[in-house]
Structures are given as structure tokens and as C-alpha cells.
Amino acid sequence: MEALAIFAYAFSGLLEARKRRLDAVGAFLVALVTAFGGGTVRDVLLSRRPFYWVEHQDYVLLIFAMAIFAPLFLSVTSRLFDQRALLVTDAIGLGLFSVSGTSIALDAQMPAFTATMMGVITGVFGGVLRDVLCNEIPLILRDSRPYAVCAFAGCWIYLGLERLDVDTIYNVLISTAFILISRLITFKFDIRLPH
């Protein structure tokens, strides 16, 4: 599931790089920042070392290979995946990264609200950095459909189940499923936050 989340975010970075007509170096940088940006910001704020992507170089090598073969890779996968499939994988990534960020912050003895914010940062900040690198207003600032709000609510569910001593695996599955389903429902029914 972790690999799926990283792959989904890296893939969205590669799609953005392709749209911007970036070369392999630019594609790698955008994909890497999208996949690991949120976790790295969280780790900086929590003074946590080494960074996740430094410890897990296999994921970095996978993204490197994806960037090199991006033109061929994207031409094949764009036929296999439609927009809905990408939305689902992105929502899974949002759920997993948000919950893992909250868990890591709790392990670092952070209070509940701070842990929740660390989860949201882990889940959404890679996309913010991707959009900034590509010279766009970040999507979470210009699209009023709930994205960070779904992550925020799911992180609180994780905290609540943690307090109730629910087994960690079930807690992660329930919290991630809530974020995934709430994100898909808001997208399907075009639910938007008030301006």
C-alpha cells in the first residue's frame, strides 16, 4: 500500500512534468518532490533524520527509472488508466500518507492537533511543491473541492481510534478508507467548500 501511494504521487508528478514538456531531469525532480515532499517537510518540522527517501533509496531509484522512461511509460499507462483510476490512486495515497504522518508525529510525542496537522502536511504538501515547481497556484488553493479537509478528518479518526486502543492495522485501514471514500464522494457529487 505504501508503494502504491508513492507510485500514485510520483505518477501525478510525471503527468504534470509531461504537460509542462520537461526533460528527464525535470520530470525526475517533479516526481520526486511530489512523492516525498510532504514527508520531507514533516520530517524537517519534527527534526526527524534521516529523511524517509534517504532511508528507502529503492523508491528513489524507481522514480528515477520512471522519469527516464517517462515518455514510453506515460504513452502506455495513459491508455490503461483513465482519470477516475488516477483519482482513486491519488485518494489512496492521500489517506495513507496522512495517516502515516499522524502516526509518526504521535511517536514524536506531539500533541493531538499538531499530529493531525503533520498528517495533513504529509498528505498534501507534495502536491503543493509540485505545483509551485511547475509555476502554478497549488491545486488545494484553487480547487474548492475538499482535499485537505478529508485528510484532516481522517487524521482525527485515526487519533480517536488510537485512544480507543483499536489495533493499529485496523485503525490504519479504517482511517485510510474514510479519507479515500470521503475524497471520492466529494469529487463524485462535486461538493465544494464555501468561498
N, C-alpha and C. Protein backbone atom coordinates (compact mmCIF):
# COMPACT_ATOMS: atom_id res chain seq x y z
N MET A 1 0.83 -1.20 0.00
CA MET A 1 0.00 0.00 0.00
C MET A 1 0.87 1.26 0.00
N GLU A 2 1.97 1.19 0.75
CA GLU A 2 2.90 2.32 0.77
C GLU A 2 3.49 2.56 -0.62
N ALA A 3 3.88 1.47 -1.28
CA ALA A 3 4.43 1.59 -2.63
C ALA A 3 3.40 2.17 -3.59
N LEU A 4 2.13 1.77 -3.43
CA LEU A 4 1.06 2.31 -4.27
C LEU A 4 0.91 3.81 -4.07
N ALA A 5 0.99 4.26 -2.81
CA ALA A 5 0.86 5.68 -2.51
C ALA A 5 2.01 6.47 -3.15
N ILE A 6 3.23 5.97 -3.00
CA ILE A 6 4.39 6.66 -3.59
C ILE A 6 4.29 6.66 -5.11
N PHE A 7 3.90 5.51 -5.68
CA PHE A 7 3.75 5.41 -7.12
C PHE A 7 2.70 6.39 -7.64
N ALA A 8 1.57 6.47 -6.93
CA ALA A 8 0.48 7.35 -7.37
C ALA A 8 0.94 8.81 -7.39
N TYR A 9 1.62 9.23 -6.33
CA TYR A 9 2.06 10.62 -6.27
C TYR A 9 3.17 10.90 -7.28
N ALA A 10 4.10 9.95 -7.43
CA ALA A 10 5.16 10.12 -8.43
C ALA A 10 4.56 10.19 -9.83
N PHE A 11 3.56 9.35 -10.08
CA PHE A 11 2.90 9.33 -11.38
C PHE A 11 2.22 10.67 -11.67
N SER A 12 1.57 11.25 -10.66
CA SER A 12 0.94 12.56 -10.89
C SER A 12 1.99 13.62 -11.16
N GLY A 13 3.16 13.49 -10.52
CA GLY A 13 4.26 14.41 -10.81
C GLY A 13 4.76 14.26 -12.24
N LEU A 14 4.86 13.02 -12.69
CA LEU A 14 5.30 12.78 -14.07
C LEU A 14 4.29 13.31 -15.09
N LEU A 15 3.01 13.16 -14.78
CA LEU A 15 1.98 13.70 -15.67
C LEU A 15 2.09 15.21 -15.78
N GLU A 16 2.32 15.86 -14.65
CA GLU A 16 2.47 17.33 -14.65
C GLU A 16 3.72 17.73 -15.42
N ALA A 17 4.80 16.98 -15.24
CA ALA A 17 6.04 17.27 -15.96
C ALA A 17 5.86 17.10 -17.47
N ARG A 18 5.10 16.08 -17.84
CA ARG A 18 4.84 15.87 -19.27
C ARG A 18 4.02 17.03 -19.84
N LYS A 19 3.01 17.46 -19.07
CA LYS A 19 2.16 18.57 -19.51
C LYS A 19 3.00 19.83 -19.70
N ARG A 20 4.03 19.99 -18.86
CA ARG A 20 4.91 21.16 -18.94
C ARG A 20 6.07 20.97 -19.90
N ARG A 21 6.14 19.81 -20.55
CA ARG A 21 7.18 19.47 -21.52
C ARG A 21 8.58 19.54 -20.91
N LEU A 22 8.72 19.00 -19.70
CA LEU A 22 10.01 18.97 -19.03
C LEU A 22 10.83 17.79 -19.52
N ASP A 23 12.17 17.94 -19.46
CA ASP A 23 13.03 16.82 -19.84
C ASP A 23 13.09 15.81 -18.70
N ALA A 24 13.94 14.77 -18.85
CA ALA A 24 14.01 13.69 -17.86
C ALA A 24 14.44 14.20 -16.49
N VAL A 25 15.35 15.18 -16.46
CA VAL A 25 15.81 15.73 -15.18
C VAL A 25 14.66 16.46 -14.48
N GLY A 26 13.95 17.28 -15.23
CA GLY A 26 12.81 17.99 -14.66
C GLY A 26 11.71 17.04 -14.22
N ALA A 27 11.46 16.00 -15.03
CA ALA A 27 10.43 15.01 -14.69
C ALA A 27 10.80 14.29 -13.40
N PHE A 28 12.08 13.92 -13.26
CA PHE A 28 12.52 13.24 -12.04
C PHE A 28 12.35 14.13 -10.82
N LEU A 29 12.76 15.38 -10.94
CA LEU A 29 12.66 16.31 -9.82
C LEU A 29 11.20 16.52 -9.39
N VAL A 30 10.33 16.74 -10.36
CA VAL A 30 8.92 16.97 -10.05
C VAL A 30 8.29 15.71 -9.44
N ALA A 31 8.58 14.54 -9.99
CA ALA A 31 8.03 13.29 -9.46
C ALA A 31 8.55 13.02 -8.05
N LEU A 32 9.84 13.26 -7.82
CA LEU A 32 10.44 13.03 -6.50
C LEU A 32 9.83 13.96 -5.45
N VAL A 33 9.69 15.23 -5.80
CA VAL A 33 9.12 16.20 -4.87
C VAL A 33 7.66 15.87 -4.58
N THR A 34 6.92 15.43 -5.58
CA THR A 34 5.52 15.09 -5.38
C THR A 34 5.38 13.89 -4.44
N ALA A 35 6.23 12.88 -4.64
CA ALA A 35 6.14 11.66 -3.85
C ALA A 35 6.63 11.84 -2.42
N PHE A 36 7.69 12.64 -2.24
CA PHE A 36 8.33 12.71 -0.92
C PHE A 36 8.32 14.10 -0.28
N GLY A 37 7.75 15.09 -0.96
CA GLY A 37 7.78 16.46 -0.44
C GLY A 37 7.07 16.61 0.89
N GLY A 38 5.88 16.03 1.00
CA GLY A 38 5.11 16.17 2.24
C GLY A 38 5.81 15.50 3.42
N GLY A 39 6.33 14.31 3.19
CA GLY A 39 7.05 13.61 4.25
C GLY A 39 8.32 14.31 4.66
N THR A 40 9.00 14.91 3.68
CA THR A 40 10.23 15.63 3.99
C THR A 40 9.94 16.89 4.80
N VAL A 41 8.91 17.62 4.43
CA VAL A 41 8.53 18.81 5.22
C VAL A 41 8.17 18.40 6.64
N ARG A 42 7.40 17.32 6.77
CA ARG A 42 7.06 16.81 8.10
C ARG A 42 8.32 16.47 8.89
N ASP A 43 9.26 15.76 8.26
CA ASP A 43 10.48 15.36 8.95
C ASP A 43 11.33 16.56 9.36
N VAL A 44 11.35 17.61 8.52
CA VAL A 44 12.07 18.84 8.89
C VAL A 44 11.42 19.47 10.12
N LEU A 45 10.10 19.57 10.11
CA LEU A 45 9.39 20.19 11.23
C LEU A 45 9.54 19.39 12.53
N LEU A 46 9.66 18.07 12.40
CA LEU A 46 9.81 17.21 13.58
C LEU A 46 11.27 16.92 13.93
N SER A 47 12.20 17.53 13.18
CA SER A 47 13.65 17.26 13.35
C SER A 47 13.94 15.76 13.30
N ARG A 48 13.36 15.12 12.33
CA ARG A 48 13.50 13.66 12.18
C ARG A 48 14.51 13.35 11.09
N ARG A 49 15.54 12.59 11.42
CA ARG A 49 16.57 12.22 10.46
C ARG A 49 16.88 10.74 10.57
N PRO A 50 17.31 10.08 9.50
CA PRO A 50 17.37 10.59 8.13
C PRO A 50 15.97 10.68 7.53
N PHE A 51 15.87 11.45 6.45
CA PHE A 51 14.59 11.57 5.77
C PHE A 51 14.16 10.20 5.23
N TYR A 52 12.85 10.05 5.05
CA TYR A 52 12.29 8.76 4.60
C TYR A 52 12.92 8.32 3.27
N TRP A 53 13.01 9.24 2.31
CA TRP A 53 13.51 8.86 0.99
C TRP A 53 15.01 8.58 1.02
N VAL A 54 15.73 9.08 2.01
CA VAL A 54 17.15 8.77 2.15
C VAL A 54 17.31 7.33 2.65
N GLU A 55 16.43 6.93 3.57
CA GLU A 55 16.46 5.56 4.10
C GLU A 55 15.98 4.52 3.09
N HIS A 56 15.08 4.90 2.21
CA HIS A 56 14.46 3.96 1.28
C HIS A 56 14.82 4.32 -0.16
N GLN A 57 16.07 4.09 -0.51
CA GLN A 57 16.54 4.51 -1.83
C GLN A 57 15.91 3.72 -2.97
N ASP A 58 15.35 2.55 -2.68
CA ASP A 58 14.71 1.78 -3.75
C ASP A 58 13.57 2.57 -4.40
N TYR A 59 12.81 3.31 -3.59
CA TYR A 59 11.73 4.13 -4.14
C TYR A 59 12.29 5.25 -5.01
N VAL A 60 13.39 5.83 -4.57
CA VAL A 60 14.02 6.91 -5.35
C VAL A 60 14.51 6.36 -6.68
N LEU A 61 15.12 5.16 -6.66
CA LEU A 61 15.59 4.53 -7.90
C LEU A 61 14.42 4.21 -8.83
N LEU A 62 13.29 3.79 -8.26
CA LEU A 62 12.11 3.52 -9.08
C LEU A 62 11.62 4.80 -9.76
N ILE A 63 11.58 5.89 -9.02
CA ILE A 63 11.15 7.17 -9.60
C ILE A 63 12.15 7.63 -10.66
N PHE A 64 13.44 7.41 -10.39
CA PHE A 64 14.48 7.76 -11.37
C PHE A 64 14.26 7.00 -12.68
N ALA A 65 14.00 5.69 -12.57
CA ALA A 65 13.73 4.88 -13.76
C ALA A 65 12.45 5.35 -14.45
N MET A 66 11.42 5.66 -13.67
CA MET A 66 10.17 6.15 -14.25
C MET A 66 10.40 7.43 -15.03
N ALA A 67 11.25 8.33 -14.50
CA ALA A 67 11.50 9.60 -15.18
C ALA A 67 12.26 9.40 -16.48
N ILE A 68 13.21 8.47 -16.48
CA ILE A 68 13.99 8.21 -17.70
C ILE A 68 13.09 7.65 -18.80
N PHE A 69 12.22 6.73 -18.38
CA PHE A 69 11.35 6.09 -19.36
C PHE A 69 9.97 6.73 -19.42
N ALA A 70 9.85 7.94 -18.90
CA ALA A 70 8.54 8.61 -18.81
C ALA A 70 7.81 8.70 -20.15
N PRO A 71 8.47 9.11 -21.24
CA PRO A 71 7.70 9.21 -22.50
C PRO A 71 7.06 7.88 -22.90
N LEU A 72 7.82 6.79 -22.84
CA LEU A 72 7.28 5.48 -23.19
C LEU A 72 6.27 5.04 -22.13
N PHE A 73 6.63 5.22 -20.87
CA PHE A 73 5.80 4.81 -19.74
C PHE A 73 4.44 5.50 -19.78
N LEU A 74 4.45 6.81 -20.01
CA LEU A 74 3.20 7.56 -19.99
C LEU A 74 2.33 7.25 -21.20
N SER A 75 2.95 6.95 -22.34
CA SER A 75 2.13 6.62 -23.51
C SER A 75 1.41 5.29 -23.30
N VAL A 76 2.05 4.35 -22.58
CA VAL A 76 1.41 3.06 -22.29
C VAL A 76 0.36 3.22 -21.20
N THR A 77 0.73 3.86 -20.09
CA THR A 77 -0.20 3.94 -18.95
C THR A 77 -1.37 4.87 -19.21
N SER A 78 -1.18 5.88 -20.04
CA SER A 78 -2.30 6.79 -20.29
C SER A 78 -3.44 6.06 -21.01
N ARG A 79 -3.10 4.96 -21.70
CA ARG A 79 -4.16 4.15 -22.30
C ARG A 79 -4.81 3.22 -21.27
N LEU A 80 -4.03 2.81 -20.27
CA LEU A 80 -4.54 1.88 -19.27
C LEU A 80 -5.35 2.56 -18.18
N PHE A 81 -4.90 3.77 -17.80
CA PHE A 81 -5.54 4.48 -16.68
C PHE A 81 -6.36 5.64 -17.20
N ASP A 82 -7.58 5.72 -16.74
CA ASP A 82 -8.36 6.91 -17.05
C ASP A 82 -8.31 7.84 -15.84
N GLN A 83 -8.96 8.96 -15.93
CA GLN A 83 -8.92 9.97 -14.87
C GLN A 83 -9.44 9.43 -13.54
N ARG A 84 -10.46 8.57 -13.60
CA ARG A 84 -11.02 8.02 -12.37
C ARG A 84 -10.03 7.12 -11.64
N ALA A 85 -9.28 6.31 -12.39
CA ALA A 85 -8.28 5.43 -11.77
C ALA A 85 -7.20 6.26 -11.08
N LEU A 86 -6.79 7.34 -11.73
CA LEU A 86 -5.79 8.22 -11.11
C LEU A 86 -6.35 8.90 -9.87
N LEU A 87 -7.62 9.27 -9.91
CA LEU A 87 -8.25 9.89 -8.74
C LEU A 87 -8.25 8.92 -7.56
N VAL A 88 -8.56 7.64 -7.83
CA VAL A 88 -8.60 6.63 -6.77
C VAL A 88 -7.20 6.42 -6.18
N THR A 89 -6.19 6.26 -7.03
CA THR A 89 -4.84 6.04 -6.51
C THR A 89 -4.35 7.27 -5.75
N ASP A 90 -4.69 8.45 -6.22
CA ASP A 90 -4.31 9.67 -5.52
C ASP A 90 -5.00 9.74 -4.15
N ALA A 91 -6.27 9.36 -4.10
CA ALA A 91 -7.00 9.37 -2.82
C ALA A 91 -6.44 8.33 -1.85
N ILE A 92 -6.01 7.18 -2.37
CA ILE A 92 -5.36 6.18 -1.52
C ILE A 92 -4.05 6.74 -0.96
N GLY A 93 -3.28 7.38 -1.84
CA GLY A 93 -2.03 7.99 -1.38
C GLY A 93 -2.28 9.06 -0.33
N LEU A 94 -3.29 9.88 -0.55
CA LEU A 94 -3.64 10.91 0.43
C LEU A 94 -3.95 10.29 1.78
N GLY A 95 -4.75 9.23 1.77
CA GLY A 95 -5.13 8.56 3.01
C GLY A 95 -3.94 7.95 3.73
N LEU A 96 -3.15 7.20 2.99
CA LEU A 96 -2.00 6.52 3.61
C LEU A 96 -0.97 7.49 4.14
N PHE A 97 -0.63 8.50 3.34
CA PHE A 97 0.38 9.46 3.77
C PHE A 97 -0.11 10.28 4.95
N SER A 98 -1.38 10.67 4.94
CA SER A 98 -1.91 11.47 6.04
C SER A 98 -1.90 10.68 7.35
N VAL A 99 -2.35 9.44 7.28
CA VAL A 99 -2.38 8.60 8.48
C VAL A 99 -0.97 8.30 8.97
N SER A 100 -0.05 7.99 8.05
CA SER A 100 1.32 7.70 8.48
C SER A 100 1.98 8.93 9.08
N GLY A 101 1.70 10.10 8.53
CA GLY A 101 2.25 11.34 9.09
C GLY A 101 1.76 11.60 10.49
N THR A 102 0.48 11.32 10.72
CA THR A 102 -0.09 11.48 12.06
C THR A 102 0.56 10.50 13.04
N SER A 103 0.73 9.27 12.60
CA SER A 103 1.34 8.25 13.44
C SER A 103 2.78 8.61 13.82
N ILE A 104 3.53 9.10 12.85
CA ILE A 104 4.93 9.49 13.11
C ILE A 104 4.98 10.66 14.08
N ALA A 105 4.07 11.62 13.93
CA ALA A 105 4.04 12.76 14.85
C ALA A 105 3.67 12.31 16.27
N LEU A 106 2.75 11.35 16.38
CA LEU A 106 2.41 10.82 17.70
C LEU A 106 3.61 10.13 18.34
N ASP A 107 4.36 9.37 17.53
CA ASP A 107 5.57 8.71 18.04
C ASP A 107 6.59 9.73 18.53
N ALA A 108 6.56 10.94 17.93
CA ALA A 108 7.47 12.01 18.34
C ALA A 108 6.91 12.82 19.52
N GLN A 109 5.83 12.29 20.15
CA GLN A 109 5.23 12.90 21.34
C GLN A 109 4.59 14.27 21.06
N MET A 110 4.08 14.46 19.86
CA MET A 110 3.39 15.70 19.52
C MET A 110 1.96 15.67 20.06
N PRO A 111 1.41 16.84 20.45
CA PRO A 111 0.01 16.87 20.88
C PRO A 111 -0.92 16.56 19.71
N ALA A 112 -2.17 16.27 20.03
CA ALA A 112 -3.13 15.76 19.04
C ALA A 112 -3.30 16.68 17.83
N PHE A 113 -3.51 17.98 18.05
CA PHE A 113 -3.75 18.87 16.92
C PHE A 113 -2.50 18.98 16.04
N THR A 114 -1.34 19.05 16.66
CA THR A 114 -0.09 19.11 15.90
C THR A 114 0.11 17.83 15.09
N ALA A 115 -0.19 16.68 15.70
CA ALA A 115 -0.06 15.40 14.99
C ALA A 115 -0.98 15.37 13.78
N THR A 116 -2.20 15.88 13.94
CA THR A 116 -3.14 15.93 12.83
C THR A 116 -2.61 16.83 11.71
N MET A 117 -2.09 17.99 12.07
CA MET A 117 -1.55 18.89 11.05
C MET A 117 -0.34 18.27 10.34
N MET A 118 0.48 17.52 11.08
CA MET A 118 1.61 16.82 10.45
C MET A 118 1.11 15.78 9.46
N GLY A 119 -0.02 15.13 9.79
CA GLY A 119 -0.61 14.19 8.86
C GLY A 119 -1.09 14.87 7.59
N VAL A 120 -1.76 16.00 7.75
CA VAL A 120 -2.25 16.75 6.59
C VAL A 120 -1.08 17.23 5.74
N ILE A 121 -0.04 17.75 6.37
CA ILE A 121 1.14 18.20 5.64
C ILE A 121 1.75 17.04 4.85
N THR A 122 1.87 15.88 5.49
CA THR A 122 2.43 14.72 4.81
C THR A 122 1.59 14.34 3.59
N GLY A 123 0.28 14.43 3.73
CA GLY A 123 -0.61 14.03 2.65
C GLY A 123 -0.70 15.00 1.49
N VAL A 124 -0.64 16.30 1.77
CA VAL A 124 -0.93 17.27 0.70
C VAL A 124 0.27 18.09 0.22
N PHE A 125 1.34 18.15 1.00
CA PHE A 125 2.38 19.13 0.66
C PHE A 125 3.21 18.74 -0.55
N GLY A 126 3.27 17.45 -0.88
CA GLY A 126 3.97 17.05 -2.11
C GLY A 126 3.32 17.67 -3.34
N GLY A 127 1.99 17.68 -3.36
CA GLY A 127 1.28 18.30 -4.47
C GLY A 127 1.46 19.80 -4.51
N VAL A 128 1.53 20.42 -3.33
CA VAL A 128 1.78 21.87 -3.27
C VAL A 128 3.15 22.19 -3.88
N LEU A 129 4.16 21.43 -3.48
CA LEU A 129 5.51 21.66 -4.01
C LEU A 129 5.58 21.38 -5.51
N ARG A 130 4.87 20.35 -5.97
CA ARG A 130 4.80 20.05 -7.40
C ARG A 130 4.26 21.24 -8.17
N ASP A 131 3.15 21.79 -7.69
CA ASP A 131 2.53 22.92 -8.39
C ASP A 131 3.41 24.15 -8.36
N VAL A 132 4.09 24.39 -7.24
CA VAL A 132 5.00 25.55 -7.16
C VAL A 132 6.15 25.37 -8.14
N LEU A 133 6.74 24.17 -8.21
CA LEU A 133 7.83 23.92 -9.16
C LEU A 133 7.37 24.12 -10.60
N CYS A 134 6.12 23.80 -10.86
CA CYS A 134 5.58 23.93 -12.22
C CYS A 134 4.93 25.29 -12.45
N ASN A 135 5.18 26.23 -11.53
CA ASN A 135 4.73 27.61 -11.67
C ASN A 135 3.21 27.74 -11.76
N GLU A 136 2.52 27.00 -10.86
CA GLU A 136 1.06 27.06 -10.79
C GLU A 136 0.64 27.40 -9.37
N ILE A 137 -0.53 28.00 -9.23
CA ILE A 137 -1.12 28.15 -7.90
C ILE A 137 -1.47 26.73 -7.43
N PRO A 138 -1.04 26.33 -6.23
CA PRO A 138 -1.30 24.96 -5.78
C PRO A 138 -2.78 24.59 -5.87
N LEU A 139 -3.03 23.37 -6.29
CA LEU A 139 -4.38 22.88 -6.51
C LEU A 139 -5.26 23.02 -5.28
N ILE A 140 -4.71 22.76 -4.08
CA ILE A 140 -5.56 22.84 -2.88
C ILE A 140 -5.99 24.27 -2.58
N LEU A 141 -5.35 25.25 -3.20
CA LEU A 141 -5.74 26.65 -3.00
C LEU A 141 -6.72 27.14 -4.05
N ARG A 142 -6.77 26.45 -5.20
CA ARG A 142 -7.65 26.94 -6.27
C ARG A 142 -8.85 26.04 -6.55
N ASP A 143 -8.83 24.81 -6.04
CA ASP A 143 -9.96 23.90 -6.23
C ASP A 143 -10.70 23.80 -4.90
N SER A 144 -11.94 24.21 -4.87
CA SER A 144 -12.66 24.27 -3.59
C SER A 144 -13.25 22.93 -3.17
N ARG A 145 -13.04 21.86 -3.97
CA ARG A 145 -13.48 20.54 -3.51
C ARG A 145 -12.59 20.11 -2.36
N PRO A 146 -13.16 19.58 -1.29
CA PRO A 146 -12.37 19.21 -0.11
C PRO A 146 -11.29 18.19 -0.45
N TYR A 147 -10.09 18.49 -0.05
CA TYR A 147 -8.94 17.60 -0.22
C TYR A 147 -8.22 17.51 1.12
N ALA A 148 -7.69 18.65 1.56
CA ALA A 148 -7.05 18.70 2.87
C ALA A 148 -8.06 18.45 3.98
N VAL A 149 -9.30 18.85 3.78
CA VAL A 149 -10.34 18.65 4.79
C VAL A 149 -10.60 17.16 5.00
N CYS A 150 -10.61 16.39 3.92
CA CYS A 150 -10.79 14.93 4.03
C CYS A 150 -9.64 14.33 4.83
N ALA A 151 -8.41 14.77 4.54
CA ALA A 151 -7.24 14.28 5.26
C ALA A 151 -7.32 14.66 6.73
N PHE A 152 -7.71 15.90 7.00
CA PHE A 152 -7.82 16.40 8.37
C PHE A 152 -8.81 15.56 9.18
N ALA A 153 -9.98 15.30 8.62
CA ALA A 153 -10.99 14.49 9.31
C ALA A 153 -10.51 13.07 9.53
N GLY A 154 -9.87 12.49 8.51
CA GLY A 154 -9.35 11.13 8.63
C GLY A 154 -8.26 11.00 9.69
N CYS A 155 -7.44 12.03 9.82
CA CYS A 155 -6.39 12.03 10.85
C CYS A 155 -7.01 12.05 12.25
N TRP A 156 -8.10 12.80 12.42
CA TRP A 156 -8.79 12.82 13.71
C TRP A 156 -9.43 11.47 14.01
N ILE A 157 -9.93 10.80 12.99
CA ILE A 157 -10.47 9.45 13.20
C ILE A 157 -9.36 8.52 13.65
N TYR A 158 -8.19 8.64 13.02
CA TYR A 158 -7.04 7.82 13.43
C TYR A 158 -6.70 8.07 14.90
N LEU A 159 -6.67 9.34 15.29
CA LEU A 159 -6.37 9.68 16.69
C LEU A 159 -7.43 9.11 17.64
N GLY A 160 -8.69 9.22 17.26
CA GLY A 160 -9.77 8.70 18.11
C GLY A 160 -9.68 7.19 18.28
N LEU A 161 -9.43 6.49 17.20
CA LEU A 161 -9.30 5.03 17.28
C LEU A 161 -8.05 4.62 18.05
N GLU A 162 -7.01 5.44 17.94
CA GLU A 162 -5.78 5.19 18.72
C GLU A 162 -6.07 5.30 20.21
N ARG A 163 -6.85 6.30 20.59
CA ARG A 163 -7.25 6.47 22.01
C ARG A 163 -8.09 5.30 22.50
N LEU A 164 -8.87 4.71 21.60
CA LEU A 164 -9.72 3.57 21.96
C LEU A 164 -8.97 2.24 21.91
N ASP A 165 -7.67 2.31 21.66
CA ASP A 165 -6.79 1.13 21.58
C ASP A 165 -7.22 0.14 20.50
N VAL A 166 -7.73 0.65 19.39
CA VAL A 166 -8.04 -0.21 18.24
C VAL A 166 -6.71 -0.68 17.65
N ASP A 167 -6.65 -1.93 17.25
CA ASP A 167 -5.43 -2.48 16.66
C ASP A 167 -4.94 -1.58 15.53
N THR A 168 -3.63 -1.38 15.46
CA THR A 168 -3.04 -0.43 14.51
C THR A 168 -3.43 -0.72 13.07
N ILE A 169 -3.41 -1.99 12.68
CA ILE A 169 -3.73 -2.33 11.29
C ILE A 169 -5.17 -1.92 10.96
N TYR A 170 -6.10 -2.23 11.86
CA TYR A 170 -7.50 -1.85 11.62
C TYR A 170 -7.66 -0.33 11.65
N ASN A 171 -6.94 0.30 12.53
CA ASN A 171 -7.00 1.76 12.63
C ASN A 171 -6.56 2.40 11.32
N VAL A 172 -5.41 1.95 10.81
CA VAL A 172 -4.89 2.49 9.54
C VAL A 172 -5.88 2.23 8.41
N LEU A 173 -6.41 1.01 8.35
CA LEU A 173 -7.36 0.68 7.27
C LEU A 173 -8.63 1.52 7.35
N ILE A 174 -9.18 1.67 8.55
CA ILE A 174 -10.42 2.44 8.72
C ILE A 174 -10.19 3.92 8.39
N SER A 175 -9.11 4.48 8.91
CA SER A 175 -8.81 5.91 8.69
C SER A 175 -8.51 6.20 7.23
N THR A 176 -7.71 5.31 6.61
CA THR A 176 -7.39 5.48 5.20
C THR A 176 -8.64 5.33 4.35
N ALA A 177 -9.48 4.34 4.68
CA ALA A 177 -10.71 4.13 3.92
C ALA A 177 -11.63 5.35 4.04
N PHE A 178 -11.68 5.96 5.23
CA PHE A 178 -12.52 7.15 5.39
C PHE A 178 -12.03 8.27 4.46
N ILE A 179 -10.72 8.51 4.44
CA ILE A 179 -10.17 9.58 3.59
C ILE A 179 -10.44 9.26 2.13
N LEU A 180 -10.19 8.02 1.73
CA LEU A 180 -10.42 7.61 0.35
C LEU A 180 -11.88 7.81 -0.05
N ILE A 181 -12.79 7.28 0.75
CA ILE A 181 -14.22 7.35 0.40
C ILE A 181 -14.73 8.78 0.44
N SER A 182 -14.34 9.54 1.45
CA SER A 182 -14.82 10.93 1.53
C SER A 182 -14.30 11.75 0.36
N ARG A 183 -13.05 11.51 -0.04
CA ARG A 183 -12.49 12.23 -1.19
C ARG A 183 -13.25 11.88 -2.46
N LEU A 184 -13.54 10.60 -2.66
CA LEU A 184 -14.26 10.18 -3.87
C LEU A 184 -15.69 10.69 -3.88
N ILE A 185 -16.33 10.70 -2.72
CA ILE A 185 -17.71 11.20 -2.64
C ILE A 185 -17.76 12.70 -2.96
N THR A 186 -16.82 13.47 -2.39
CA THR A 186 -16.83 14.92 -2.67
C THR A 186 -16.56 15.20 -4.14
N PHE A 187 -15.74 14.35 -4.76
CA PHE A 187 -15.45 14.53 -6.19
C PHE A 187 -16.65 14.12 -7.04
N LYS A 188 -17.24 12.97 -6.70
CA LYS A 188 -18.37 12.45 -7.49
C LYS A 188 -19.55 13.42 -7.47
N PHE A 189 -19.87 13.95 -6.29
CA PHE A 189 -21.04 14.82 -6.16
C PHE A 189 -20.68 16.31 -6.22
N ASP A 190 -19.43 16.59 -6.59
CA ASP A 190 -18.96 17.97 -6.77
C ASP A 190 -19.26 18.82 -5.56
N ILE A 191 -18.97 18.27 -4.38
CA ILE A 191 -19.16 19.01 -3.13
C ILE A 191 -18.00 20.00 -2.99
N ARG A 192 -18.35 21.24 -2.74
CA ARG A 192 -17.32 22.29 -2.66
C ARG A 192 -17.42 23.05 -1.35
N LEU A 193 -16.28 23.51 -0.90
CA LEU A 193 -16.24 24.35 0.30
C LEU A 193 -16.76 25.75 -0.04
N PRO A 194 -17.44 26.41 0.90
CA PRO A 194 -17.91 27.78 0.60
C PRO A 194 -16.75 28.74 0.44
N HIS A 195 -16.94 29.73 -0.43
CA HIS A 195 -15.91 30.75 -0.66
C HIS A 195 -16.09 31.89 0.31
